[in-house]
Amino acid sequence: MKQLFTGIYTKFSTGTNTLKTNLTGGLHLIEAPQGASTPYGVYSLVSNIHDWDFSVDYDESLIQFDLYDEAQSATIVCNLYDYLKTLYDDCSLTVTGHTPYYMWRDFSRLLRDPVPGVWHYVIQYRLMMRVN
């Protein structure tokens, strides 16, 4: 899975994109560092299933992105959601040892944590890759 995580982060960090510009606290694998400034994002593996069809091996993965912001309104985190969709919807990742077939958004949900007052956008993608 290291190659998949690298592919996701490389898509985010390479070149100029609106998500990278506006996610000032960065994009982190599994959890942000203690004291990270908002807005920031994290991504993680929800599940990974290996499959085959007689001659070809596949990996199907669910990847979750979590976007966080402490603003009073949800405007910033909703904009970040739009930027994330622009970058990752139906994208082709570069993943060593695999040939990606698709990356589809499966699920999204906007939440507000009332105690610390943080907006939290949860987005899941389904990714199918052929194992080379």
Protein backbone atom coordinates (compact mmCIF):
# COMPACT_ATOMS: atom_id res chain seq x y z
CA MET A 1 0.00 0.00 0.00
CA LYS A 2 3.01 2.28 0.33
CA GLN A 3 2.95 2.79 -3.46
CA LEU A 4 -0.73 3.81 -3.34
CA PHE A 5 -0.11 6.32 -0.54
CA THR A 6 2.82 7.72 -2.51
CA GLY A 7 0.65 8.05 -5.62
CA ILE A 8 -2.07 9.92 -3.72
CA TYR A 9 0.40 12.33 -2.13
CA THR A 10 2.33 12.86 -5.38
CA LYS A 11 -0.92 13.84 -7.14
CA PHE A 12 -1.48 16.43 -4.37
CA SER A 13 2.06 17.77 -4.09
CA THR A 14 3.24 17.87 -7.71
CA GLY A 15 2.81 21.13 -9.59
CA THR A 16 0.25 23.76 -8.76
CA ASN A 17 -3.30 22.89 -7.83
CA THR A 18 -6.03 24.71 -5.96
CA LEU A 19 -6.28 22.08 -3.21
CA LYS A 20 -2.58 22.35 -2.36
CA THR A 21 -2.73 26.16 -2.41
CA ASN A 22 -5.70 26.33 -0.02
CA LEU A 23 -4.95 23.38 2.27
CA THR A 24 -2.42 25.48 4.17
CA GLY A 25 -2.03 22.95 7.00
CA GLY A 26 -1.04 20.27 4.46
CA LEU A 27 -2.24 16.80 3.55
CA HIS A 28 -1.10 14.03 5.90
CA LEU A 29 -1.22 10.24 5.95
CA ILE A 30 -3.62 8.98 8.66
CA GLU A 31 -3.22 11.89 11.09
CA ALA A 32 -1.96 15.45 11.15
CA PRO A 33 0.89 16.41 13.47
CA GLN A 34 -0.04 17.70 16.92
CA GLY A 35 -0.95 21.39 16.68
CA ALA A 36 -1.38 21.42 12.89
CA SER A 37 -3.02 24.63 11.70
CA THR A 38 -6.31 24.45 9.86
CA PRO A 39 -7.34 23.94 7.23
CA TYR A 40 -5.62 20.60 6.80
CA GLY A 41 -6.45 17.18 5.41
CA VAL A 42 -5.64 13.56 6.10
CA TYR A 43 -6.04 10.45 3.97
CA SER A 44 -6.13 6.80 4.93
CA LEU A 45 -6.92 3.32 3.69
CA VAL A 46 -10.38 2.11 4.72
CA SER A 47 -10.12 -1.28 3.03
CA ASN A 48 -8.24 -3.17 0.36
CA ILE A 49 -9.47 -6.29 -1.41
CA HIS A 50 -7.44 -8.42 -3.79
CA ASP A 51 -9.34 -9.96 -6.72
CA TRP A 52 -8.60 -11.74 -9.99
CA ASP A 53 -10.38 -12.81 -13.18
CA PHE A 54 -8.51 -15.95 -14.29
CA SER A 55 -5.55 -14.07 -15.80
CA VAL A 56 -5.35 -10.63 -14.18
CA ASP A 57 -4.89 -9.64 -10.52
CA TYR A 58 -6.62 -6.52 -9.18
CA ASP A 59 -6.53 -4.45 -6.03
CA GLU A 60 -9.69 -2.58 -5.07
CA SER A 61 -9.24 0.01 -2.33
CA LEU A 62 -11.38 2.46 -0.41
CA ILE A 63 -9.48 5.64 0.41
CA GLN A 64 -10.85 8.20 2.85
CA PHE A 65 -9.97 11.88 2.84
CA ASP A 66 -10.85 14.01 5.87
CA LEU A 67 -10.77 17.81 5.58
CA TYR A 68 -10.77 19.98 8.72
CA ASP A 69 -11.29 23.69 9.35
CA GLU A 70 -12.02 25.83 12.43
CA ALA A 71 -13.83 28.71 10.69
CA GLN A 72 -17.28 29.82 11.90
CA SER A 73 -18.92 28.87 8.60
CA ALA A 74 -18.52 25.82 6.42
CA THR A 75 -17.50 27.90 3.38
CA ILE A 76 -13.77 27.08 3.49
CA VAL A 77 -14.19 23.34 4.07
CA CYS A 78 -16.84 23.18 1.31
CA ASN A 79 -14.46 24.95 -1.07
CA LEU A 80 -11.75 22.46 -0.13
CA TYR A 81 -14.18 19.65 -0.95
CA ASP A 82 -14.70 21.14 -4.42
CA TYR A 83 -10.91 21.44 -4.92
CA LEU A 84 -10.41 17.83 -3.81
CA LYS A 85 -13.07 16.65 -6.28
CA THR A 86 -11.36 18.58 -9.08
CA LEU A 87 -8.02 16.93 -8.28
CA TYR A 88 -9.09 13.34 -7.55
CA ASP A 89 -12.44 12.61 -9.28
CA ASP A 90 -11.79 10.12 -12.10
CA CYS A 91 -8.06 10.88 -11.93
CA SER A 92 -5.29 8.56 -13.00
CA LEU A 93 -2.76 8.06 -10.23
CA THR A 94 0.80 6.90 -10.81
CA VAL A 95 1.19 3.82 -8.59
CA THR A 96 4.35 1.73 -8.89
CA GLY A 97 3.58 -1.88 -9.79
CA HIS A 98 -0.05 -1.14 -10.71
CA THR A 99 -2.12 0.18 -13.60
CA PRO A 100 -5.01 2.28 -12.23
CA TYR A 101 -8.40 1.72 -13.89
CA TYR A 102 -10.54 4.24 -12.04
CA MET A 103 -10.84 6.45 -8.96
CA TRP A 104 -14.50 7.17 -8.19
CA ARG A 105 -15.97 9.19 -5.35
CA ASP A 106 -18.28 6.89 -3.36
CA PHE A 107 -19.32 8.91 -0.35
CA SER A 108 -19.11 12.34 1.26
CA ARG A 109 -20.47 13.82 4.47
CA LEU A 110 -20.12 17.22 6.13
CA LEU A 111 -19.95 17.18 9.94
CA ARG A 112 -19.55 19.79 12.67
CA ASP A 113 -17.90 18.82 15.95
CA PRO A 114 -19.63 21.07 18.50
CA VAL A 115 -17.01 20.84 21.25
CA PRO A 116 -13.91 22.19 19.49
CA GLY A 117 -16.03 23.84 16.76
CA VAL A 118 -14.31 22.12 13.84
CA TRP A 119 -15.87 21.48 10.43
CA HIS A 120 -15.06 18.00 9.15
CA TYR A 121 -15.70 16.84 5.58
CA VAL A 122 -15.40 13.07 5.02
CA ILE A 123 -14.88 11.89 1.42
CA GLN A 124 -14.32 8.29 0.28
CA TYR A 125 -13.02 7.12 -3.07
CA ARG A 126 -13.08 3.66 -4.63
CA LEU A 127 -9.93 2.83 -6.59
CA MET A 128 -9.47 -0.17 -8.86
CA MET A 129 -5.95 -1.06 -10.04
CA ARG A 130 -4.48 -3.91 -12.05
CA VAL A 131 -1.47 -5.53 -10.40
CA ASN A 132 1.38 -5.58 -12.94
